[in-house]
Amino acid sequence: MVSPPHEAMHRIFQHDPGLFSRVSRFLGVDIPAPVKATALPTDLTEANPVERRVDTLLRLETAGQGPYLLAVEAQGKKHPDKPASWAYYTAYLWTKYRLPTALLVVCQDHATAKWAQQPVSCGPPQLPTLTVQPLVAGPHNMPVITDPEEARADLVLASLAAITHAAEPGVDAILKALSTALRDAPEDIAKPLVEFTAQGLAKRPAKNLWRNLVAVDLSFYKSYLAEEVRAEIRAEVRSEVQAEVRNEASAESRAEDILLILEQRGLDIPEDVRSRVTHCTDPELLRRWLARAVTVPKAEEVFEDACTGSFPDPSRPPTPYGPPSPS
């Protein structure tokens, strides 16, 4: 089963086929912008029962160099079988469509990116019949876009930057810039980018930041992600309010217990003592006062700061219920 980051890393190129030409400058090549793009079937299965499926396949047409195919693969980790699969993809596509074929691999960690960009030959060392060396986009070469204006200039590239840097320390700044830039974007533009970014972050810590940014910075924006975050916030607020109400009720009940014990013991309760007890909202402090109310000889001494020690004078026997013994 494919993961959300896997889907985000290649489907963003389906969403904006021109993104490849803009990404290429970070990869050390100059690919002209397409004037036309067509999504092609991704199933490369032959007549025999061997299934081969590329993640995203696009037919891009340029003004000066003619059409070519772009196969985009999302790679989450090293896999020894992948170079052979990539060689198959490119050879098969070249054979089927008779068009030059480019292979782009998108990664989210440095180790996988370094592994993916190594050339792999299918022939012996002295005869490298077919060599596969894909272009690789990842945290090592994708831009760290932290300026909202720069993000606003290319929202899709900024989203890809966040996806490829999902595990990097700088991702928070990228997400903040992207959310700020999306404030002015129409909903039909913002919506897919919010979702691509959320998919790309998956279960990484930055996902929570993105959820909060979507809920706050894009408060006007309606999506399952934003509504989910707002629902969680509302639930948290309700929970906090309910907890506060319970605490207040508990404090009020404990204060009543303190005063009742003092009254049942026949102790005089000055108004300032009664007021201090009833206005206290600290459950732990009330618990200590309640424990002391059972033994203190005077109501004022229920407060720990009203006597010199933490407990009443041990030379005086406690009088649990009833008036204090005459001294």
C-alpha atoms as a PDB file:
ATOM      1  CA  MET A   1       0.000   0.000   0.000  1.00  0.00           C
ATOM      2  CA  VAL A   2       1.449   3.348  -1.040  1.00  0.00           C
ATOM      3  CA  SER A   3       1.966   6.023   1.590  1.00  0.00           C
ATOM      4  CA  PRO A   4       0.718   9.639   1.466  1.00  0.00           C
ATOM      5  CA  PRO A   5       4.269  11.062   1.016  1.00  0.00           C
ATOM      6  CA  HIS A   6       4.796   8.662  -1.911  1.00  0.00           C
ATOM      7  CA  GLU A   7       1.650   9.955  -3.592  1.00  0.00           C
ATOM      8  CA  ALA A   8       2.474  13.614  -2.946  1.00  0.00           C
ATOM      9  CA  MET A   9       6.022  13.377  -4.304  1.00  0.00           C
ATOM     10  CA  HIS A  10       4.925  12.337  -7.797  1.00  0.00           C
ATOM     11  CA  ARG A  11       1.312  13.508  -8.142  1.00  0.00           C
ATOM     12  CA  ILE A  12       2.352  17.129  -7.683  1.00  0.00           C
ATOM     13  CA  PHE A  13       3.957  16.834 -11.143  1.00  0.00           C
ATOM     14  CA  GLN A  14       0.635  15.668 -12.551  1.00  0.00           C
ATOM     15  CA  HIS A  15      -0.982  18.687 -10.961  1.00  0.00           C
ATOM     16  CA  ASP A  16       1.533  21.056 -12.575  1.00  0.00           C
ATOM     17  CA  PRO A  17       3.531  19.413 -15.399  1.00  0.00           C
ATOM     18  CA  GLY A  18       5.528  22.613 -15.889  1.00  0.00           C
ATOM     19  CA  LEU A  19       7.031  22.094 -12.460  1.00  0.00           C
ATOM     20  CA  PHE A  20       9.667  19.752 -13.913  1.00  0.00           C
ATOM     21  CA  SER A  21      11.246  22.482 -16.031  1.00  0.00           C
ATOM     22  CA  ARG A  22      11.388  24.778 -12.996  1.00  0.00           C
ATOM     23  CA  VAL A  23      12.843  22.036 -10.808  1.00  0.00           C
ATOM     24  CA  SER A  24      15.454  21.107 -13.429  1.00  0.00           C
ATOM     25  CA  ARG A  25      17.536  24.214 -12.780  1.00  0.00           C
ATOM     26  CA  PHE A  26      18.182  22.941  -9.261  1.00  0.00           C
ATOM     27  CA  LEU A  27      19.315  19.604 -10.733  1.00  0.00           C
ATOM     28  CA  GLY A  28      22.007  21.047 -12.977  1.00  0.00           C
ATOM     29  CA  VAL A  29      20.136  20.809 -16.275  1.00  0.00           C
ATOM     30  CA  ASP A  30      18.082  23.242 -18.327  1.00  0.00           C
ATOM     31  CA  ILE A  31      14.771  21.764 -19.453  1.00  0.00           C
ATOM     32  CA  PRO A  32      12.539  24.113 -21.458  1.00  0.00           C
ATOM     33  CA  ALA A  33       9.039  24.754 -20.170  1.00  0.00           C
ATOM     34  CA  PRO A  34       6.402  22.638 -21.884  1.00  0.00           C
ATOM     35  CA  VAL A  35       3.788  24.263 -24.056  1.00  0.00           C
ATOM     36  CA  LYS A  36       1.563  21.220 -23.736  1.00  0.00           C
ATOM     37  CA  ALA A  37       1.337  18.296 -21.336  1.00  0.00           C
ATOM     38  CA  THR A  38      -0.602  15.055 -21.448  1.00  0.00           C
ATOM     39  CA  ALA A  39      -0.944  12.510 -18.674  1.00  0.00           C
ATOM     40  CA  LEU A  40      -0.359   9.001 -20.007  1.00  0.00           C
ATOM     41  CA  PRO A  41      -1.348   5.617 -18.562  1.00  0.00           C
ATOM     42  CA  THR A  42       1.078   4.537 -15.867  1.00  0.00           C
ATOM     43  CA  ASP A  43       0.567   0.810 -16.375  1.00  0.00           C
ATOM     44  CA  LEU A  44       3.615  -0.634 -18.140  1.00  0.00           C
ATOM     45  CA  THR A  45       2.492  -4.239 -17.863  1.00  0.00           C
ATOM     46  CA  GLU A  46       3.277  -6.408 -20.892  1.00  0.00           C
ATOM     47  CA  ALA A  47       1.092  -9.167 -22.298  1.00  0.00           C
ATOM     48  CA  ASN A  48       2.764 -11.686 -20.014  1.00  0.00           C
ATOM     49  CA  PRO A  49       1.713 -11.447 -16.345  1.00  0.00           C
ATOM     50  CA  VAL A  50       4.505  -9.147 -15.161  1.00  0.00           C
ATOM     51  CA  GLU A  51       3.141  -5.935 -13.745  1.00  0.00           C
ATOM     52  CA  ARG A  52       5.246  -2.800 -14.104  1.00  0.00           C
ATOM     53  CA  ARG A  53       3.779   0.490 -12.975  1.00  0.00           C
ATOM     54  CA  VAL A  54       5.506   3.853 -12.919  1.00  0.00           C
ATOM     55  CA  ASP A  55       4.265   6.405 -10.384  1.00  0.00           C
ATOM     56  CA  THR A  56       3.558   9.306 -12.754  1.00  0.00           C
ATOM     57  CA  LEU A  57       4.015   9.479 -16.536  1.00  0.00           C
ATOM     58  CA  LEU A  58       3.665  12.687 -18.527  1.00  0.00           C
ATOM     59  CA  ARG A  59       4.096  13.561 -22.188  1.00  0.00           C
ATOM     60  CA  LEU A  60       5.553  17.053 -22.310  1.00  0.00           C
ATOM     61  CA  GLU A  61       5.866  19.168 -25.445  1.00  0.00           C
ATOM     62  CA  THR A  62       8.273  22.068 -25.776  1.00  0.00           C
ATOM     63  CA  ALA A  63       8.457  24.866 -28.324  1.00  0.00           C
ATOM     64  CA  GLY A  64      12.005  24.204 -29.486  1.00  0.00           C
ATOM     65  CA  GLN A  65      12.987  20.623 -28.702  1.00  0.00           C
ATOM     66  CA  GLY A  66       9.850  18.653 -29.403  1.00  0.00           C
ATOM     67  CA  PRO A  67       7.987  16.241 -27.125  1.00  0.00           C
ATOM     68  CA  TYR A  68       9.473  13.922 -24.530  1.00  0.00           C
ATOM     69  CA  LEU A  69       8.249  11.650 -21.743  1.00  0.00           C
ATOM     70  CA  LEU A  70       8.752  12.319 -18.053  1.00  0.00           C
ATOM     71  CA  ALA A  71       8.505   9.398 -15.628  1.00  0.00           C
ATOM     72  CA  VAL A  72       8.370  10.481 -11.974  1.00  0.00           C
ATOM     73  CA  GLU A  73       9.175   7.979  -9.238  1.00  0.00           C
ATOM     74  CA  ALA A  74       8.692   8.670  -5.515  1.00  0.00           C
ATOM     75  CA  GLN A  75      11.318   6.792  -3.527  1.00  0.00           C
ATOM     76  CA  GLY A  76      11.034   6.553   0.263  1.00  0.00           C
ATOM     77  CA  LYS A  77      14.065   4.341   0.917  1.00  0.00           C
ATOM     78  CA  LYS A  78      16.866   2.417  -0.774  1.00  0.00           C
ATOM     79  CA  HIS A  79      15.730  -0.649  -2.693  1.00  0.00           C
ATOM     80  CA  PRO A  80      18.198  -2.858  -4.590  1.00  0.00           C
ATOM     81  CA  ASP A  81      15.624  -3.835  -7.229  1.00  0.00           C
ATOM     82  CA  LYS A  82      14.698  -0.292  -8.199  1.00  0.00           C
ATOM     83  CA  PRO A  83      17.533   0.505 -10.663  1.00  0.00           C
ATOM     84  CA  ALA A  84      16.536  -2.536 -12.750  1.00  0.00           C
ATOM     85  CA  SER A  85      12.896  -1.402 -12.664  1.00  0.00           C
ATOM     86  CA  TRP A  86      13.882   2.117 -13.715  1.00  0.00           C
ATOM     87  CA  ALA A  87      15.933   0.704 -16.582  1.00  0.00           C
ATOM     88  CA  TYR A  88      12.920  -1.314 -17.655  1.00  0.00           C
ATOM     89  CA  TYR A  89      10.613   1.723 -17.455  1.00  0.00           C
ATOM     90  CA  THR A  90      12.801   3.934 -19.592  1.00  0.00           C
ATOM     91  CA  ALA A  91      13.577   1.244 -22.178  1.00  0.00           C
ATOM     92  CA  TYR A  92       9.948   0.173 -22.424  1.00  0.00           C
ATOM     93  CA  LEU A  93       8.664   3.725 -22.744  1.00  0.00           C
ATOM     94  CA  TRP A  94      11.252   4.532 -25.382  1.00  0.00           C
ATOM     95  CA  THR A  95      10.229   1.444 -27.298  1.00  0.00           C
ATOM     96  CA  LYS A  96       6.483   2.006 -26.935  1.00  0.00           C
ATOM     97  CA  TYR A  97       6.272   5.760 -27.591  1.00  0.00           C
ATOM     98  CA  ARG A  98       9.462   6.306 -29.582  1.00  0.00           C
ATOM     99  CA  LEU A  99      10.139   9.440 -27.570  1.00  0.00           C
ATOM    100  CA  PRO A 100      13.078  10.523 -25.419  1.00  0.00           C
ATOM    101  CA  THR A 101      12.359   9.575 -21.826  1.00  0.00           C
ATOM    102  CA  ALA A 102      13.467  11.441 -18.697  1.00  0.00           C
ATOM    103  CA  LEU A 103      13.358   9.823 -15.271  1.00  0.00           C
ATOM    104  CA  LEU A 104      12.970  11.934 -12.127  1.00  0.00           C
ATOM    105  CA  VAL A 105      13.217  10.361  -8.675  1.00  0.00           C
ATOM    106  CA  VAL A 106      11.887  12.391  -5.730  1.00  0.00           C
ATOM    107  CA  CYS A 107      13.192  11.620  -2.224  1.00  0.00           C
ATOM    108  CA  GLN A 108      12.798  12.957   1.307  1.00  0.00           C
ATOM    109  CA  ASP A 109      16.149  12.005   2.843  1.00  0.00           C
ATOM    110  CA  HIS A 110      19.781  12.508   1.906  1.00  0.00           C
ATOM    111  CA  ALA A 111      20.821   8.847   2.034  1.00  0.00           C
ATOM    112  CA  THR A 112      18.112   7.716  -0.390  1.00  0.00           C
ATOM    113  CA  ALA A 113      18.804  10.645  -2.712  1.00  0.00           C
ATOM    114  CA  LYS A 114      22.541   9.889  -2.800  1.00  0.00           C
ATOM    115  CA  TRP A 115      21.824   6.230  -3.533  1.00  0.00           C
ATOM    116  CA  ALA A 116      19.261   6.985  -6.242  1.00  0.00           C
ATOM    117  CA  GLN A 117      21.472   9.315  -8.255  1.00  0.00           C
ATOM    118  CA  GLN A 118      24.323   6.800  -8.643  1.00  0.00           C
ATOM    119  CA  PRO A 119      24.600   5.464 -12.219  1.00  0.00           C
ATOM    120  CA  VAL A 120      23.784   1.776 -12.562  1.00  0.00           C
ATOM    121  CA  SER A 121      24.744  -0.231 -15.644  1.00  0.00           C
ATOM    122  CA  CYS A 122      23.107  -3.459 -16.695  1.00  0.00           C
ATOM    123  CA  GLY A 123      26.120  -4.758 -18.631  1.00  0.00           C
ATOM    124  CA  PRO A 124      29.560  -5.932 -17.468  1.00  0.00           C
ATOM    125  CA  PRO A 125      32.028  -3.229 -16.369  1.00  0.00           C
ATOM    126  CA  GLN A 126      33.797  -3.177 -19.741  1.00  0.00           C
ATOM    127  CA  LEU A 127      30.502  -3.089 -21.639  1.00  0.00           C
ATOM    128  CA  PRO A 128      27.887  -0.921 -19.824  1.00  0.00           C
ATOM    129  CA  THR A 129      25.220  -1.609 -22.432  1.00  0.00           C
ATOM    130  CA  LEU A 130      22.525   0.408 -20.686  1.00  0.00           C
ATOM    131  CA  THR A 131      23.211   2.858 -17.881  1.00  0.00           C
ATOM    132  CA  VAL A 132      20.478   4.370 -15.731  1.00  0.00           C
ATOM    133  CA  GLN A 133      21.202   7.620 -13.915  1.00  0.00           C
ATOM    134  CA  PRO A 134      17.986   9.408 -13.001  1.00  0.00           C
ATOM    135  CA  LEU A 135      17.662  13.028 -12.043  1.00  0.00           C
ATOM    136  CA  VAL A 136      17.041  13.168  -8.310  1.00  0.00           C
ATOM    137  CA  ALA A 137      15.153  15.870  -6.407  1.00  0.00           C
ATOM    138  CA  GLY A 138      15.458  15.841  -2.642  1.00  0.00           C
ATOM    139  CA  PRO A 139      16.532  17.785   0.432  1.00  0.00           C
ATOM    140  CA  HIS A 140      20.072  18.041  -0.965  1.00  0.00           C
ATOM    141  CA  ASN A 141      19.131  20.229  -3.921  1.00  0.00           C
ATOM    142  CA  MET A 142      15.572  21.500  -3.565  1.00  0.00           C
ATOM    143  CA  PRO A 143      15.390  25.152  -2.444  1.00  0.00           C
ATOM    144  CA  VAL A 144      14.591  26.104   1.141  1.00  0.00           C
ATOM    145  CA  ILE A 145      11.886  28.689   0.499  1.00  0.00           C
ATOM    146  CA  THR A 146      11.348  30.723   3.662  1.00  0.00           C
ATOM    147  CA  ASP A 147      10.295  34.036   2.106  1.00  0.00           C
ATOM    148  CA  PRO A 148       6.522  34.315   1.559  1.00  0.00           C
ATOM    149  CA  GLU A 149       7.110  36.438  -1.540  1.00  0.00           C
ATOM    150  CA  GLU A 150       9.361  33.765  -3.023  1.00  0.00           C
ATOM    151  CA  ALA A 151       6.782  31.134  -2.134  1.00  0.00           C
ATOM    152  CA  ARG A 152       4.021  33.248  -3.691  1.00  0.00           C
ATOM    153  CA  ALA A 153       6.010  33.449  -6.947  1.00  0.00           C
ATOM    154  CA  ASP A 154       5.825  29.647  -7.350  1.00  0.00           C
ATOM    155  CA  LEU A 155       3.398  28.019  -4.944  1.00  0.00           C
ATOM    156  CA  VAL A 156       3.784  24.531  -6.408  1.00  0.00           C
ATOM    157  CA  LEU A 157       7.573  24.632  -6.097  1.00  0.00           C
ATOM    158  CA  ALA A 158       7.198  25.854  -2.507  1.00  0.00           C
ATOM    159  CA  SER A 159       4.919  22.900  -1.784  1.00  0.00           C
ATOM    160  CA  LEU A 160       7.456  20.491  -3.289  1.00  0.00           C
ATOM    161  CA  ALA A 161      10.177  22.173  -1.213  1.00  0.00           C
ATOM    162  CA  ALA A 162       8.149  21.455   1.935  1.00  0.00           C
ATOM    163  CA  ILE A 163       7.563  17.848   0.878  1.00  0.00           C
ATOM    164  CA  THR A 164      11.220  17.110   0.083  1.00  0.00           C
ATOM    165  CA  HIS A 165      12.394  18.828   3.289  1.00  0.00           C
ATOM    166  CA  ALA A 166       9.749  17.137   5.457  1.00  0.00           C
ATOM    167  CA  ALA A 167      12.364  15.616   7.764  1.00  0.00           C
ATOM    168  CA  GLU A 168      14.725  18.618   7.745  1.00  0.00           C
ATOM    169  CA  PRO A 169      15.008  21.267  10.515  1.00  0.00           C
ATOM    170  CA  GLY A 170      14.144  24.043   8.058  1.00  0.00           C
ATOM    171  CA  VAL A 171      10.752  22.637   7.107  1.00  0.00           C
ATOM    172  CA  ASP A 172       8.919  24.746   9.712  1.00  0.00           C
ATOM    173  CA  ALA A 173      10.087  27.975   8.091  1.00  0.00           C
ATOM    174  CA  ILE A 174       9.090  26.659   4.638  1.00  0.00           C
ATOM    175  CA  LEU A 175       5.608  25.757   5.882  1.00  0.00           C
ATOM    176  CA  LYS A 176       5.115  29.185   7.474  1.00  0.00           C
ATOM    177  CA  ALA A 177       6.146  30.928   4.258  1.00  0.00           C
ATOM    178  CA  LEU A 178       3.876  28.674   2.195  1.00  0.00           C
ATOM    179  CA  SER A 179       0.840  29.180   4.434  1.00  0.00           C
ATOM    180  CA  THR A 180       1.368  32.944   4.333  1.00  0.00           C
ATOM    181  CA  ALA A 181       1.651  32.883   0.544  1.00  0.00           C
ATOM    182  CA  LEU A 182      -1.503  30.785   0.190  1.00  0.00           C
ATOM    183  CA  ARG A 183      -3.620  33.351   2.025  1.00  0.00           C
ATOM    184  CA  ASP A 184      -4.019  35.351  -1.183  1.00  0.00           C
ATOM    185  CA  ALA A 185      -4.414  32.353  -3.486  1.00  0.00           C
ATOM    186  CA  PRO A 186      -7.837  31.382  -4.848  1.00  0.00           C
ATOM    187  CA  GLU A 187      -9.306  28.303  -3.223  1.00  0.00           C
ATOM    188  CA  ASP A 188      -9.006  26.186  -6.377  1.00  0.00           C
ATOM    189  CA  ILE A 189      -5.250  26.845  -6.340  1.00  0.00           C
ATOM    190  CA  ALA A 190      -4.747  26.604  -2.579  1.00  0.00           C
ATOM    191  CA  LYS A 191      -6.793  23.463  -2.023  1.00  0.00           C
ATOM    192  CA  PRO A 192      -4.651  20.882  -3.881  1.00  0.00           C
ATOM    193  CA  LEU A 193      -1.414  22.400  -2.551  1.00  0.00           C
ATOM    194  CA  VAL A 194      -2.635  22.248   1.037  1.00  0.00           C
ATOM    195  CA  GLU A 195      -3.496  18.592   0.552  1.00  0.00           C
ATOM    196  CA  PHE A 196      -0.273  17.708  -1.308  1.00  0.00           C
ATOM    197  CA  THR A 197       1.741  19.292   1.484  1.00  0.00           C
ATOM    198  CA  ALA A 198      -0.231  17.464   4.168  1.00  0.00           C
ATOM    199  CA  GLN A 199       0.253  14.156   2.346  1.00  0.00           C
ATOM    200  CA  GLY A 200       3.964  14.774   1.943  1.00  0.00           C
ATOM    201  CA  LEU A 201       4.448  15.465   5.648  1.00  0.00           C
ATOM    202  CA  ALA A 202       2.490  12.338   6.634  1.00  0.00           C
ATOM    203  CA  LYS A 203       3.176  11.442  10.270  1.00  0.00           C
ATOM    204  CA  ARG A 204       6.254  13.619  10.681  1.00  0.00           C
ATOM    205  CA  PRO A 205       6.246  16.238  13.491  1.00  0.00           C
ATOM    206  CA  ALA A 206       5.886  19.054  10.944  1.00  0.00           C
ATOM    207  CA  LYS A 207       2.426  17.703  10.058  1.00  0.00           C
ATOM    208  CA  ASN A 208       1.011  19.174  13.283  1.00  0.00           C
ATOM    209  CA  LEU A 209       2.465  22.590  12.476  1.00  0.00           C
ATOM    210  CA  TRP A 210       0.975  22.483   8.979  1.00  0.00           C
ATOM    211  CA  ARG A 211      -2.417  21.488  10.366  1.00  0.00           C
ATOM    212  CA  ASN A 212      -2.348  24.426  12.764  1.00  0.00           C
ATOM    213  CA  LEU A 213      -1.202  26.847  10.065  1.00  0.00           C
ATOM    214  CA  VAL A 214      -4.017  25.715   7.786  1.00  0.00           C
ATOM    215  CA  ALA A 215      -6.546  26.129  10.585  1.00  0.00           C
ATOM    216  CA  VAL A 216      -5.320  29.595  11.621  1.00  0.00           C
ATOM    217  CA  ASP A 217      -3.628  31.289   8.660  1.00  0.00           C
ATOM    218  CA  LEU A 218      -6.109  29.855   6.163  1.00  0.00           C
ATOM    219  CA  SER A 219      -9.169  30.183   8.364  1.00  0.00           C
ATOM    220  CA  PHE A 220     -11.284  31.040   5.317  1.00  0.00           C
ATOM    221  CA  TYR A 221     -10.213  27.879   3.541  1.00  0.00           C
ATOM    222  CA  LYS A 222     -12.453  24.825   3.636  1.00  0.00           C
ATOM    223  CA  SER A 223     -10.903  21.393   3.385  1.00  0.00           C
ATOM    224  CA  TYR A 224     -10.976  18.134   5.271  1.00  0.00           C
ATOM    225  CA  LEU A 225      -7.609  19.039   6.829  1.00  0.00           C
ATOM    226  CA  ALA A 226      -8.695  22.476   8.011  1.00  0.00           C
ATOM    227  CA  GLU A 227     -12.046  21.214   9.255  1.00  0.00           C
ATOM    228  CA  GLU A 228     -10.339  18.327  11.042  1.00  0.00           C
ATOM    229  CA  VAL A 229      -7.995  20.698  12.853  1.00  0.00           C
ATOM    230  CA  ARG A 230     -10.787  23.091  13.780  1.00  0.00           C
ATOM    231  CA  ALA A 231     -12.858  20.176  15.077  1.00  0.00           C
ATOM    232  CA  GLU A 232      -9.914  19.070  17.221  1.00  0.00           C
ATOM    233  CA  ILE A 233      -9.450  22.597  18.546  1.00  0.00           C
ATOM    234  CA  ARG A 234     -13.136  22.845  19.399  1.00  0.00           C
ATOM    235  CA  ALA A 235     -12.954  19.464  21.153  1.00  0.00           C
ATOM    236  CA  GLU A 236      -9.882  20.576  23.120  1.00  0.00           C
ATOM    237  CA  VAL A 237     -11.608  23.797  24.161  1.00  0.00           C
ATOM    238  CA  ARG A 238     -14.702  21.880  25.253  1.00  0.00           C
ATOM    239  CA  SER A 239     -12.519  19.450  27.187  1.00  0.00           C
ATOM    240  CA  GLU A 240     -10.661  22.293  28.897  1.00  0.00           C
ATOM    241  CA  VAL A 241     -13.905  24.048  29.793  1.00  0.00           C
ATOM    242  CA  GLN A 242     -15.379  20.844  31.144  1.00  0.00           C
ATOM    243  CA  ALA A 243     -12.221  20.164  33.157  1.00  0.00           C
ATOM    244  CA  GLU A 244     -12.329  23.700  34.532  1.00  0.00           C
ATOM    245  CA  VAL A 245     -15.961  23.283  35.521  1.00  0.00           C
ATOM    246  CA  ARG A 246     -15.152  19.992  37.216  1.00  0.00           C
ATOM    247  CA  ASN A 247     -12.223  21.575  39.045  1.00  0.00           C
ATOM    248  CA  GLU A 248     -14.383  24.459  40.194  1.00  0.00           C
ATOM    249  CA  ALA A 249     -17.079  22.070  41.408  1.00  0.00           C
ATOM    250  CA  SER A 250     -14.468  19.950  43.162  1.00  0.00           C
ATOM    251  CA  ALA A 251     -12.898  23.003  44.803  1.00  0.00           C
ATOM    252  CA  GLU A 252     -16.293  24.271  45.940  1.00  0.00           C
ATOM    253  CA  SER A 253     -17.183  20.871  47.409  1.00  0.00           C
ATOM    254  CA  ARG A 254     -13.840  20.580  49.207  1.00  0.00           C
ATOM    255  CA  ALA A 255     -14.170  24.092  50.646  1.00  0.00           C
ATOM    256  CA  GLU A 256     -17.605  23.169  52.004  1.00  0.00           C
ATOM    257  CA  ASP A 257     -16.115  20.024  53.583  1.00  0.00           C
ATOM    258  CA  ILE A 258     -13.406  22.067  55.325  1.00  0.00           C
ATOM    259  CA  LEU A 259     -15.896  24.485  56.809  1.00  0.00           C
ATOM    260  CA  LEU A 260     -18.264  21.659  57.802  1.00  0.00           C
ATOM    261  CA  ILE A 261     -15.510  19.811  59.706  1.00  0.00           C
ATOM    262  CA  LEU A 262     -14.475  22.971  61.534  1.00  0.00           C
ATOM    263  CA  GLU A 263     -18.115  23.683  62.428  1.00  0.00           C
ATOM    264  CA  GLN A 264     -18.750  20.104  63.587  1.00  0.00           C
ATOM    265  CA  ARG A 265     -15.715  20.349  65.829  1.00  0.00           C
ATOM    266  CA  GLY A 266     -17.240  23.439  67.426  1.00  0.00           C
ATOM    267  CA  LEU A 267     -14.435  25.759  66.338  1.00  0.00           C
ATOM    268  CA  ASP A 268     -15.107  29.437  65.824  1.00  0.00           C
ATOM    269  CA  ILE A 269     -14.635  30.306  62.146  1.00  0.00           C
ATOM    270  CA  PRO A 270     -13.720  33.977  61.630  1.00  0.00           C
ATOM    271  CA  GLU A 271     -15.058  35.620  58.480  1.00  0.00           C
ATOM    272  CA  ASP A 272     -11.577  36.025  56.980  1.00  0.00           C
ATOM    273  CA  VAL A 273     -10.963  32.256  57.371  1.00  0.00           C
ATOM    274  CA  ARG A 274     -14.327  31.416  55.808  1.00  0.00           C
ATOM    275  CA  SER A 275     -13.643  33.808  52.906  1.00  0.00           C
ATOM    276  CA  ARG A 276     -10.170  32.466  52.270  1.00  0.00           C
ATOM    277  CA  VAL A 277     -11.415  28.887  52.154  1.00  0.00           C
ATOM    278  CA  THR A 278     -14.399  29.554  49.891  1.00  0.00           C
ATOM    279  CA  HIS A 279     -12.408  31.664  47.442  1.00  0.00           C
ATOM    280  CA  CYS A 280      -9.559  29.164  47.034  1.00  0.00           C
ATOM    281  CA  THR A 281      -9.537  27.310  43.700  1.00  0.00           C
ATOM    282  CA  ASP A 282      -6.343  25.295  44.146  1.00  0.00           C
ATOM    283  CA  PRO A 283      -7.412  21.625  44.606  1.00  0.00           C
ATOM    284  CA  GLU A 284      -4.082  20.564  46.125  1.00  0.00           C
ATOM    285  CA  LEU A 285      -4.082  23.419  48.639  1.00  0.00           C
ATOM    286  CA  LEU A 286      -7.683  22.660  49.608  1.00  0.00           C
ATOM    287  CA  ARG A 287      -6.762  19.010  50.075  1.00  0.00           C
ATOM    288  CA  ARG A 288      -4.038  19.977  52.568  1.00  0.00           C
ATOM    289  CA  TRP A 289      -6.402  22.305  54.407  1.00  0.00           C
ATOM    290  CA  LEU A 290      -8.995  19.550  54.572  1.00  0.00           C
ATOM    291  CA  ALA A 291      -6.483  17.180  56.172  1.00  0.00           C
ATOM    292  CA  ARG A 292      -5.493  19.844  58.713  1.00  0.00           C
ATOM    293  CA  ALA A 293      -9.104  20.752  59.519  1.00  0.00           C
ATOM    294  CA  VAL A 294      -9.456  17.433  61.343  1.00  0.00           C
ATOM    295  CA  THR A 295      -6.797  18.229  63.965  1.00  0.00           C
ATOM    296  CA  VAL A 296      -6.076  21.961  64.270  1.00  0.00           C
ATOM    297  CA  PRO A 297      -7.109  23.554  67.595  1.00  0.00           C
ATOM    298  CA  LYS A 298      -8.081  26.823  65.920  1.00  0.00           C
ATOM    299  CA  ALA A 299      -9.694  27.462  62.574  1.00  0.00           C
ATOM    300  CA  GLU A 300      -6.979  29.966  61.658  1.00  0.00           C
ATOM    301  CA  GLU A 301      -4.368  27.214  61.900  1.00  0.00           C
ATOM    302  CA  VAL A 302      -5.915  25.280  59.041  1.00  0.00           C
ATOM    303  CA  PHE A 303      -3.640  27.378  56.844  1.00  0.00           C
ATOM    304  CA  GLU A 304      -0.065  26.156  56.927  1.00  0.00           C
ATOM    305  CA  ASP A 305       1.310  29.682  56.894  1.00  0.00           C
ATOM    306  CA  ALA A 306      -0.657  30.511  60.061  1.00  0.00           C
ATOM    307  CA  CYS A 307       1.615  28.442  62.298  1.00  0.00           C
ATOM    308  CA  THR A 308       5.320  27.887  62.645  1.00  0.00           C
ATOM    309  CA  GLY A 309       5.391  24.240  61.614  1.00  0.00           C
ATOM    310  CA  SER A 310       3.733  22.019  59.091  1.00  0.00           C
ATOM    311  CA  PHE A 311       1.577  20.429  61.793  1.00  0.00           C
ATOM    312  CA  PRO A 312      -0.100  21.548  65.039  1.00  0.00           C
ATOM    313  CA  ASP A 313       1.815  21.517  68.292  1.00  0.00           C
ATOM    314  CA  PRO A 314       2.362  17.795  69.040  1.00  0.00           C
ATOM    315  CA  SER A 315       2.175  18.481  72.791  1.00  0.00           C
ATOM    316  CA  ARG A 316      -1.518  19.203  72.411  1.00  0.00           C
ATOM    317  CA  PRO A 317      -3.661  16.140  71.768  1.00  0.00           C
ATOM    318  CA  PRO A 318      -5.849  16.370  68.678  1.00  0.00           C
ATOM    319  CA  THR A 319      -9.565  16.773  69.127  1.00  0.00           C
ATOM    320  CA  PRO A 320     -11.031  15.197  65.988  1.00  0.00           C
ATOM    321  CA  TYR A 321     -14.678  16.093  66.517  1.00  0.00           C
ATOM    322  CA  GLY A 322     -15.781  18.380  69.301  1.00  0.00           C
ATOM    323  CA  PRO A 323     -14.570  21.490  71.018  1.00  0.00           C
ATOM    324  CA  PRO A 324     -10.887  21.777  71.811  1.00  0.00           C
ATOM    325  CA  SER A 325      -9.752  20.532  75.219  1.00  0.00           C
ATOM    326  CA  PRO A 326      -9.309  23.293  77.766  1.00  0.00           C
ATOM    327  CA  SER A 327      -5.664  24.231  78.217  1.00  0.00           C
END
